[in-house]
């Protein structure tokens, strides 16, 4: 079978919350493609492990221990990429938290707004800081990690689903704003991504519903027509495509990677 290469539209990227999981896989894909990448995360040991794992890739990697939802930290990530690599072509807004798992009437205001502050606030601050650089280069890419839960209900998860629906609205509006500068803005909507975060969500769902963990896990898996969980690699592949020249005229899109759970 003939090999196909993705030529990434740019030389430097910034990725939020990339110490582990999906963010780490995205950083791996981009640095393997020769892109220089700056990432942040709160977990310093995870950042160190990521740097070690990606050390042999063609692109350089710089790590910052920071709270991505802090506007100053967002600006620092962008400026670090520009200072170290000379420009910034790609922003991947990956950072996110699960938020509380309980009925809305039991969620307090701080829990609700705290989830939005991370899942939307970090995206806003990082992208706002990056826009002047993306516009200057004239071929920028913004990829936002939303969720299939931004398109369908998820029981007892109103803060999370509200924030992920907001990601789609942010993506579409920004795509219109930046279209005339040849900067594309798209979102990826993962389904149930196998890993520690999903296991934690399933456990909390089981607790809130008073049913066995195995029952909820089976429900999560069987709701997908493909009857399987998504892997972090699947999300990273979609991001790589959206950052490549093969996606030059795709903007304002929210791409599902959900094993068939969501098809719209």
C-alpha atoms as a PDB file:
ATOM      1  CA  UNK A   1       0.000   0.000   0.000  1.00  0.00           C
ATOM      2  CA  UNK A   2       1.476   3.397  -0.948  1.00  0.00           C
ATOM      3  CA  UNK A   3       2.425   5.716   1.920  1.00  0.00           C
ATOM      4  CA  UNK A   4       0.687   9.064   2.290  1.00  0.00           C
ATOM      5  CA  UNK A   5       2.269  12.046   4.020  1.00  0.00           C
ATOM      6  CA  UNK A   6       0.502  14.909   5.744  1.00  0.00           C
ATOM      7  CA  UNK A   7       2.260  18.198   5.154  1.00  0.00           C
ATOM      8  CA  UNK A   8       1.485  20.352   8.166  1.00  0.00           C
ATOM      9  CA  UNK A   9       0.689  23.976   7.435  1.00  0.00           C
ATOM     10  CA  UNK A  10       3.189  25.598   9.794  1.00  0.00           C
ATOM     11  CA  UNK A  11       6.326  25.181  11.811  1.00  0.00           C
ATOM     12  CA  UNK A  12       5.317  25.952  15.400  1.00  0.00           C
ATOM     13  CA  UNK A  13       2.412  25.034  17.638  1.00  0.00           C
ATOM     14  CA  UNK A  14       1.049  25.583  21.141  1.00  0.00           C
ATOM     15  CA  UNK A  15      -1.034  22.903  22.874  1.00  0.00           C
ATOM     16  CA  UNK A  16      -2.781  23.297  26.215  1.00  0.00           C
ATOM     17  CA  UNK A  17      -3.035  20.536  28.798  1.00  0.00           C
ATOM     18  CA  UNK A  18      -0.706  18.232  26.899  1.00  0.00           C
ATOM     19  CA  UNK A  19       1.137  16.465  29.693  1.00  0.00           C
ATOM     20  CA  UNK A  20      -0.796  13.239  29.168  1.00  0.00           C
ATOM     21  CA  UNK A  21      -3.717  11.629  27.355  1.00  0.00           C
ATOM     22  CA  UNK A  22      -5.052  13.207  24.185  1.00  0.00           C
ATOM     23  CA  UNK A  23      -2.828  16.263  24.483  1.00  0.00           C
ATOM     24  CA  UNK A  24       0.323  14.176  24.685  1.00  0.00           C
ATOM     25  CA  UNK A  25      -0.699  12.170  21.617  1.00  0.00           C
ATOM     26  CA  UNK A  26      -1.372  15.368  19.673  1.00  0.00           C
ATOM     27  CA  UNK A  27       2.050  16.705  20.653  1.00  0.00           C
ATOM     28  CA  UNK A  28       3.566  13.412  19.519  1.00  0.00           C
ATOM     29  CA  UNK A  29       1.864  13.576  16.127  1.00  0.00           C
ATOM     30  CA  UNK A  30       2.912  17.171  15.487  1.00  0.00           C
ATOM     31  CA  UNK A  31       6.521  16.840  16.641  1.00  0.00           C
ATOM     32  CA  UNK A  32       6.806  13.606  14.638  1.00  0.00           C
ATOM     33  CA  UNK A  33       5.734  15.680  11.610  1.00  0.00           C
ATOM     34  CA  UNK A  34       8.568  18.120  12.316  1.00  0.00           C
ATOM     35  CA  UNK A  35       6.545  20.820  14.053  1.00  0.00           C
ATOM     36  CA  UNK A  36       8.112  22.589  17.035  1.00  0.00           C
ATOM     37  CA  UNK A  37       5.653  22.501  19.923  1.00  0.00           C
ATOM     38  CA  UNK A  38       5.150  24.319  23.221  1.00  0.00           C
ATOM     39  CA  UNK A  39       2.856  22.641  25.752  1.00  0.00           C
ATOM     40  CA  UNK A  40       1.605  23.364  29.242  1.00  0.00           C
ATOM     41  CA  UNK A  41       0.120  21.290  32.026  1.00  0.00           C
ATOM     42  CA  UNK A  42      -0.274  21.422  35.811  1.00  0.00           C
ATOM     43  CA  UNK A  43       1.440  18.051  36.284  1.00  0.00           C
ATOM     44  CA  UNK A  44       5.188  18.629  36.144  1.00  0.00           C
ATOM     45  CA  UNK A  45       6.049  14.923  36.279  1.00  0.00           C
ATOM     46  CA  UNK A  46       3.719  14.281  33.329  1.00  0.00           C
ATOM     47  CA  UNK A  47       5.428  17.079  31.393  1.00  0.00           C
ATOM     48  CA  UNK A  48       8.832  15.542  32.123  1.00  0.00           C
ATOM     49  CA  UNK A  49       7.608  12.149  30.951  1.00  0.00           C
ATOM     50  CA  UNK A  50       6.155  13.651  27.768  1.00  0.00           C
ATOM     51  CA  UNK A  51       9.431  15.431  27.018  1.00  0.00           C
ATOM     52  CA  UNK A  52      11.307  12.155  27.449  1.00  0.00           C
ATOM     53  CA  UNK A  53       8.886  10.159  25.295  1.00  0.00           C
ATOM     54  CA  UNK A  54       8.958  12.700  22.441  1.00  0.00           C
ATOM     55  CA  UNK A  55      12.674  13.420  22.572  1.00  0.00           C
ATOM     56  CA  UNK A  56      13.464  11.453  19.399  1.00  0.00           C
ATOM     57  CA  UNK A  57      10.829  13.197  17.257  1.00  0.00           C
ATOM     58  CA  UNK A  58      11.930  15.668  14.594  1.00  0.00           C
ATOM     59  CA  UNK A  59      10.234  18.709  16.116  1.00  0.00           C
ATOM     60  CA  UNK A  60      11.455  20.410  19.282  1.00  0.00           C
ATOM     61  CA  UNK A  61       9.340  20.427  22.443  1.00  0.00           C
ATOM     62  CA  UNK A  62       9.245  23.005  25.224  1.00  0.00           C
ATOM     63  CA  UNK A  63       7.164  22.456  28.364  1.00  0.00           C
ATOM     64  CA  UNK A  64       5.666  24.871  30.865  1.00  0.00           C
ATOM     65  CA  UNK A  65       4.097  23.967  34.191  1.00  0.00           C
ATOM     66  CA  UNK A  66       1.055  26.231  34.333  1.00  0.00           C
ATOM     67  CA  UNK A  67      -2.686  26.450  34.848  1.00  0.00           C
ATOM     68  CA  UNK A  68      -3.984  26.835  31.307  1.00  0.00           C
ATOM     69  CA  UNK A  69      -7.104  28.625  32.545  1.00  0.00           C
ATOM     70  CA  UNK A  70      -4.968  31.478  33.933  1.00  0.00           C
ATOM     71  CA  UNK A  71      -4.913  34.251  31.283  1.00  0.00           C
ATOM     72  CA  UNK A  72      -1.306  35.096  32.160  1.00  0.00           C
ATOM     73  CA  UNK A  73      -0.297  31.462  31.709  1.00  0.00           C
ATOM     74  CA  UNK A  74      -2.115  31.364  28.373  1.00  0.00           C
ATOM     75  CA  UNK A  75      -0.207  34.400  27.174  1.00  0.00           C
ATOM     76  CA  UNK A  76       3.051  32.893  28.433  1.00  0.00           C
ATOM     77  CA  UNK A  77       2.483  29.704  26.429  1.00  0.00           C
ATOM     78  CA  UNK A  78       1.943  31.681  23.243  1.00  0.00           C
ATOM     79  CA  UNK A  79       4.875  34.009  23.808  1.00  0.00           C
ATOM     80  CA  UNK A  80       7.153  31.106  24.707  1.00  0.00           C
ATOM     81  CA  UNK A  81       6.347  29.426  21.400  1.00  0.00           C
ATOM     82  CA  UNK A  82       6.976  32.645  19.478  1.00  0.00           C
ATOM     83  CA  UNK A  83      10.213  33.421  21.333  1.00  0.00           C
ATOM     84  CA  UNK A  84      11.626  29.913  21.039  1.00  0.00           C
ATOM     85  CA  UNK A  85      10.478  29.068  17.522  1.00  0.00           C
ATOM     86  CA  UNK A  86      10.187  32.463  15.858  1.00  0.00           C
ATOM     87  CA  UNK A  87       6.478  32.220  15.051  1.00  0.00           C
ATOM     88  CA  UNK A  88       3.218  30.458  15.882  1.00  0.00           C
ATOM     89  CA  UNK A  89       1.136  28.692  13.251  1.00  0.00           C
ATOM     90  CA  UNK A  90      -1.020  26.222  15.182  1.00  0.00           C
ATOM     91  CA  UNK A  91      -3.011  26.360  18.408  1.00  0.00           C
ATOM     92  CA  UNK A  92      -4.632  23.239  19.836  1.00  0.00           C
ATOM     93  CA  UNK A  93      -6.970  23.978  22.732  1.00  0.00           C
ATOM     94  CA  UNK A  94      -7.018  20.613  24.449  1.00  0.00           C
ATOM     95  CA  UNK A  95      -7.179  21.304  28.171  1.00  0.00           C
ATOM     96  CA  UNK A  96     -10.383  20.301  29.917  1.00  0.00           C
ATOM     97  CA  UNK A  97     -11.817  18.934  33.126  1.00  0.00           C
ATOM     98  CA  UNK A  98     -14.739  16.596  33.701  1.00  0.00           C
ATOM     99  CA  UNK A  99     -16.487  18.752  36.282  1.00  0.00           C
ATOM    100  CA  UNK A 100     -18.965  17.348  38.793  1.00  0.00           C
ATOM    101  CA  UNK A 101     -21.129  14.303  38.182  1.00  0.00           C
ATOM    102  CA  UNK A 102     -24.451  14.884  39.920  1.00  0.00           C
ATOM    103  CA  UNK A 103     -27.893  16.322  39.228  1.00  0.00           C
ATOM    104  CA  UNK A 104     -28.029  20.015  38.407  1.00  0.00           C
ATOM    105  CA  UNK A 105     -29.966  20.803  41.589  1.00  0.00           C
ATOM    106  CA  UNK A 106     -27.017  19.498  43.618  1.00  0.00           C
ATOM    107  CA  UNK A 107     -24.347  21.473  41.732  1.00  0.00           C
ATOM    108  CA  UNK A 108     -23.296  24.773  43.235  1.00  0.00           C
ATOM    109  CA  UNK A 109     -22.467  27.885  41.232  1.00  0.00           C
ATOM    110  CA  UNK A 110     -18.728  27.573  41.860  1.00  0.00           C
ATOM    111  CA  UNK A 111     -18.634  24.035  40.474  1.00  0.00           C
ATOM    112  CA  UNK A 112     -20.576  25.054  37.385  1.00  0.00           C
ATOM    113  CA  UNK A 113     -18.582  28.181  36.590  1.00  0.00           C
ATOM    114  CA  UNK A 114     -15.301  26.506  37.548  1.00  0.00           C
ATOM    115  CA  UNK A 115     -15.824  23.909  34.830  1.00  0.00           C
ATOM    116  CA  UNK A 116     -16.553  26.620  32.277  1.00  0.00           C
ATOM    117  CA  UNK A 117     -13.510  28.600  33.404  1.00  0.00           C
ATOM    118  CA  UNK A 118     -11.206  25.741  32.440  1.00  0.00           C
ATOM    119  CA  UNK A 119     -13.018  24.295  29.436  1.00  0.00           C
ATOM    120  CA  UNK A 120     -13.944  27.625  27.840  1.00  0.00           C
ATOM    121  CA  UNK A 121     -11.855  30.229  29.640  1.00  0.00           C
ATOM    122  CA  UNK A 122      -8.532  28.623  28.791  1.00  0.00           C
ATOM    123  CA  UNK A 123      -9.586  28.320  25.164  1.00  0.00           C
ATOM    124  CA  UNK A 124     -10.562  31.962  24.985  1.00  0.00           C
ATOM    125  CA  UNK A 125      -7.394  33.258  26.658  1.00  0.00           C
ATOM    126  CA  UNK A 126      -4.978  31.089  24.678  1.00  0.00           C
ATOM    127  CA  UNK A 127      -6.632  31.777  21.339  1.00  0.00           C
ATOM    128  CA  UNK A 128      -6.944  35.504  21.977  1.00  0.00           C
ATOM    129  CA  UNK A 129      -3.219  35.708  22.710  1.00  0.00           C
ATOM    130  CA  UNK A 130      -2.413  33.704  19.574  1.00  0.00           C
ATOM    131  CA  UNK A 131      -4.644  35.452  17.032  1.00  0.00           C
ATOM    132  CA  UNK A 132      -2.216  38.278  16.111  1.00  0.00           C
ATOM    133  CA  UNK A 133       0.492  35.731  15.320  1.00  0.00           C
ATOM    134  CA  UNK A 134      -1.847  33.438  13.380  1.00  0.00           C
ATOM    135  CA  UNK A 135      -3.132  36.350  11.290  1.00  0.00           C
ATOM    136  CA  UNK A 136       0.377  37.556  10.564  1.00  0.00           C
ATOM    137  CA  UNK A 137       1.379  34.197   9.088  1.00  0.00           C
ATOM    138  CA  UNK A 138      -1.730  33.961   6.932  1.00  0.00           C
ATOM    139  CA  UNK A 139      -2.153  30.197   7.138  1.00  0.00           C
ATOM    140  CA  UNK A 140      -2.863  29.510  10.780  1.00  0.00           C
ATOM    141  CA  UNK A 141      -4.742  26.610  12.322  1.00  0.00           C
ATOM    142  CA  UNK A 142      -6.852  26.536  15.469  1.00  0.00           C
ATOM    143  CA  UNK A 143      -8.163  23.152  16.593  1.00  0.00           C
ATOM    144  CA  UNK A 144     -10.421  22.971  19.634  1.00  0.00           C
ATOM    145  CA  UNK A 145     -11.123  19.743  21.480  1.00  0.00           C
ATOM    146  CA  UNK A 146     -14.847  19.605  22.195  1.00  0.00           C
ATOM    147  CA  UNK A 147     -16.762  16.372  22.874  1.00  0.00           C
ATOM    148  CA  UNK A 148     -19.631  14.338  21.554  1.00  0.00           C
ATOM    149  CA  UNK A 149     -21.288  15.543  24.765  1.00  0.00           C
ATOM    150  CA  UNK A 150     -21.459  18.970  23.188  1.00  0.00           C
ATOM    151  CA  UNK A 151     -24.017  17.482  20.801  1.00  0.00           C
ATOM    152  CA  UNK A 152     -25.961  15.034  22.959  1.00  0.00           C
ATOM    153  CA  UNK A 153     -27.107  14.840  26.582  1.00  0.00           C
ATOM    154  CA  UNK A 154     -24.989  13.225  29.248  1.00  0.00           C
ATOM    155  CA  UNK A 155     -26.790  12.491  32.476  1.00  0.00           C
ATOM    156  CA  UNK A 156     -25.728  14.501  35.544  1.00  0.00           C
ATOM    157  CA  UNK A 157     -23.034  16.410  33.611  1.00  0.00           C
ATOM    158  CA  UNK A 158     -24.571  19.835  32.896  1.00  0.00           C
ATOM    159  CA  UNK A 159     -21.359  21.877  33.508  1.00  0.00           C
ATOM    160  CA  UNK A 160     -19.319  19.664  31.191  1.00  0.00           C
ATOM    161  CA  UNK A 161     -21.876  19.403  28.403  1.00  0.00           C
ATOM    162  CA  UNK A 162     -22.582  23.131  28.577  1.00  0.00           C
ATOM    163  CA  UNK A 163     -18.893  23.915  28.213  1.00  0.00           C
ATOM    164  CA  UNK A 164     -18.385  21.502  25.320  1.00  0.00           C
ATOM    165  CA  UNK A 165     -21.413  22.902  23.478  1.00  0.00           C
ATOM    166  CA  UNK A 166     -19.821  26.299  23.997  1.00  0.00           C
ATOM    167  CA  UNK A 167     -16.623  25.073  22.350  1.00  0.00           C
ATOM    168  CA  UNK A 168     -18.577  24.398  19.160  1.00  0.00           C
ATOM    169  CA  UNK A 169     -20.144  27.855  19.216  1.00  0.00           C
ATOM    170  CA  UNK A 170     -16.747  29.456  19.822  1.00  0.00           C
ATOM    171  CA  UNK A 171     -15.269  27.450  16.954  1.00  0.00           C
ATOM    172  CA  UNK A 172     -17.904  28.435  14.418  1.00  0.00           C
ATOM    173  CA  UNK A 173     -17.886  32.116  15.312  1.00  0.00           C
ATOM    174  CA  UNK A 174     -14.105  32.420  15.327  1.00  0.00           C
ATOM    175  CA  UNK A 175     -13.963  30.589  11.998  1.00  0.00           C
ATOM    176  CA  UNK A 176     -16.064  33.353  10.455  1.00  0.00           C
ATOM    177  CA  UNK A 177     -13.944  36.075  12.048  1.00  0.00           C
ATOM    178  CA  UNK A 178     -10.644  34.684  10.765  1.00  0.00           C
ATOM    179  CA  UNK A 179     -11.691  33.238   7.415  1.00  0.00           C
ATOM    180  CA  UNK A 180     -10.507  36.234   5.407  1.00  0.00           C
ATOM    181  CA  UNK A 181      -7.029  35.846   6.902  1.00  0.00           C
ATOM    182  CA  UNK A 182      -6.766  32.202   5.811  1.00  0.00           C
ATOM    183  CA  UNK A 183      -6.822  30.984   9.404  1.00  0.00           C
ATOM    184  CA  UNK A 184      -8.973  27.882   9.813  1.00  0.00           C
ATOM    185  CA  UNK A 185     -10.776  27.057  13.051  1.00  0.00           C
ATOM    186  CA  UNK A 186     -12.192  23.596  13.627  1.00  0.00           C
ATOM    187  CA  UNK A 187     -13.202  21.338  16.490  1.00  0.00           C
ATOM    188  CA  UNK A 188     -12.803  17.649  17.165  1.00  0.00           C
ATOM    189  CA  UNK A 189     -15.564  15.931  19.145  1.00  0.00           C
ATOM    190  CA  UNK A 190     -14.222  12.774  20.796  1.00  0.00           C
ATOM    191  CA  UNK A 191     -16.466  10.002  21.944  1.00  0.00           C
ATOM    192  CA  UNK A 192     -15.621   7.927  25.017  1.00  0.00           C
ATOM    193  CA  UNK A 193     -11.817   7.958  24.989  1.00  0.00           C
ATOM    194  CA  UNK A 194     -10.328   4.995  26.803  1.00  0.00           C
ATOM    195  CA  UNK A 195      -8.100   5.945  29.709  1.00  0.00           C
ATOM    196  CA  UNK A 196      -8.041   7.110  33.347  1.00  0.00           C
ATOM    197  CA  UNK A 197     -10.414  10.045  32.812  1.00  0.00           C
ATOM    198  CA  UNK A 198     -13.092   7.839  31.244  1.00  0.00           C
ATOM    199  CA  UNK A 199     -12.717   5.312  34.043  1.00  0.00           C
ATOM    200  CA  UNK A 200     -13.236   8.073  36.579  1.00  0.00           C
ATOM    201  CA  UNK A 201     -16.350   9.309  34.766  1.00  0.00           C
ATOM    202  CA  UNK A 202     -17.787   5.800  34.637  1.00  0.00           C
ATOM    203  CA  UNK A 203     -17.085   5.306  38.332  1.00  0.00           C
ATOM    204  CA  UNK A 204     -18.822   8.561  39.249  1.00  0.00           C
ATOM    205  CA  UNK A 205     -21.773   7.742  37.014  1.00  0.00           C
ATOM    206  CA  UNK A 206     -22.098   4.373  38.730  1.00  0.00           C
ATOM    207  CA  UNK A 207     -21.983   5.991  42.158  1.00  0.00           C
ATOM    208  CA  UNK A 208     -24.547   8.658  41.284  1.00  0.00           C
ATOM    209  CA  UNK A 209     -26.940   6.057  39.849  1.00  0.00           C
ATOM    210  CA  UNK A 210     -26.324   3.411  42.478  1.00  0.00           C
ATOM    211  CA  UNK A 211     -25.410   0.685  40.004  1.00  0.00           C
ATOM    212  CA  UNK A 212     -22.323  -1.473  39.357  1.00  0.00           C
ATOM    213  CA  UNK A 213     -19.311  -0.026  37.539  1.00  0.00           C
ATOM    214  CA  UNK A 214     -19.397  -2.865  35.004  1.00  0.00           C
ATOM    215  CA  UNK A 215     -22.978  -2.033  34.049  1.00  0.00           C
ATOM    216  CA  UNK A 216     -22.167   1.593  33.282  1.00  0.00           C
ATOM    217  CA  UNK A 217     -19.000   0.619  31.415  1.00  0.00           C
ATOM    218  CA  UNK A 218     -21.007  -1.766  29.254  1.00  0.00           C
ATOM    219  CA  UNK A 219     -23.557   0.983  28.542  1.00  0.00           C
ATOM    220  CA  UNK A 220     -20.800   3.401  27.526  1.00  0.00           C
ATOM    221  CA  UNK A 221     -19.304   0.838  25.156  1.00  0.00           C
ATOM    222  CA  UNK A 222     -22.509  -0.570  23.679  1.00  0.00           C
ATOM    223  CA  UNK A 223     -23.999   2.823  22.820  1.00  0.00           C
ATOM    224  CA  UNK A 224     -21.384   3.029  20.046  1.00  0.00           C
ATOM    225  CA  UNK A 225     -22.374   1.222  16.832  1.00  0.00           C
ATOM    226  CA  UNK A 226     -18.776   0.040  16.624  1.00  0.00           C
ATOM    227  CA  UNK A 227     -19.105  -1.278  20.200  1.00  0.00           C
ATOM    228  CA  UNK A 228     -15.741   0.079  21.307  1.00  0.00           C
ATOM    229  CA  UNK A 229     -14.092   3.035  22.954  1.00  0.00           C
ATOM    230  CA  UNK A 230     -12.110   5.643  21.045  1.00  0.00           C
ATOM    231  CA  UNK A 231      -8.337   5.796  21.535  1.00  0.00           C
ATOM    232  CA  UNK A 232      -6.328   8.974  22.122  1.00  0.00           C
ATOM    233  CA  UNK A 233      -4.447   8.152  18.901  1.00  0.00           C
ATOM    234  CA  UNK A 234      -7.693   8.494  16.949  1.00  0.00           C
ATOM    235  CA  UNK A 235      -8.153  12.070  18.174  1.00  0.00           C
ATOM    236  CA  UNK A 236      -4.531  12.947  17.448  1.00  0.00           C
ATOM    237  CA  UNK A 237      -4.888  11.689  13.879  1.00  0.00           C
ATOM    238  CA  UNK A 238      -7.934  13.919  13.330  1.00  0.00           C
ATOM    239  CA  UNK A 239      -6.063  16.927  14.722  1.00  0.00           C
ATOM    240  CA  UNK A 240      -3.072  16.218  12.481  1.00  0.00           C
ATOM    241  CA  UNK A 241      -5.350  16.152   9.449  1.00  0.00           C
ATOM    242  CA  UNK A 242      -6.983  19.482  10.390  1.00  0.00           C
ATOM    243  CA  UNK A 243      -3.528  21.023  10.821  1.00  0.00           C
ATOM    244  CA  UNK A 244      -2.365  19.728   7.444  1.00  0.00           C
ATOM    245  CA  UNK A 245      -2.572  21.323   4.029  1.00  0.00           C
ATOM    246  CA  UNK A 246      -5.162  18.705   3.077  1.00  0.00           C
ATOM    247  CA  UNK A 247      -7.661  20.627   5.224  1.00  0.00           C
ATOM    248  CA  UNK A 248      -6.954  24.067   3.761  1.00  0.00           C
ATOM    249  CA  UNK A 249     -10.610  24.808   2.958  1.00  0.00           C
ATOM    250  CA  UNK A 250     -12.191  23.241   5.995  1.00  0.00           C
ATOM    251  CA  UNK A 251     -13.232  25.702   8.679  1.00  0.00           C
ATOM    252  CA  UNK A 252     -15.997  26.019  11.242  1.00  0.00           C
ATOM    253  CA  UNK A 253     -16.409  22.254  11.373  1.00  0.00           C
ATOM    254  CA  UNK A 254     -16.929  19.981  14.385  1.00  0.00           C
ATOM    255  CA  UNK A 255     -15.569  16.563  13.462  1.00  0.00           C
ATOM    256  CA  UNK A 256     -16.859  13.534  15.347  1.00  0.00           C
ATOM    257  CA  UNK A 257     -14.471  10.780  16.388  1.00  0.00           C
ATOM    258  CA  UNK A 258     -16.952   8.773  18.409  1.00  0.00           C
ATOM    259  CA  UNK A 259     -17.061   5.187  17.061  1.00  0.00           C
ATOM    260  CA  UNK A 260     -20.421   6.154  15.556  1.00  0.00           C
ATOM    261  CA  UNK A 261     -22.211   7.422  18.668  1.00  0.00           C
ATOM    262  CA  UNK A 262     -22.712  10.868  17.135  1.00  0.00           C
ATOM    263  CA  UNK A 263     -23.207  11.286  13.387  1.00  0.00           C
ATOM    264  CA  UNK A 264     -24.134  14.958  13.067  1.00  0.00           C
END
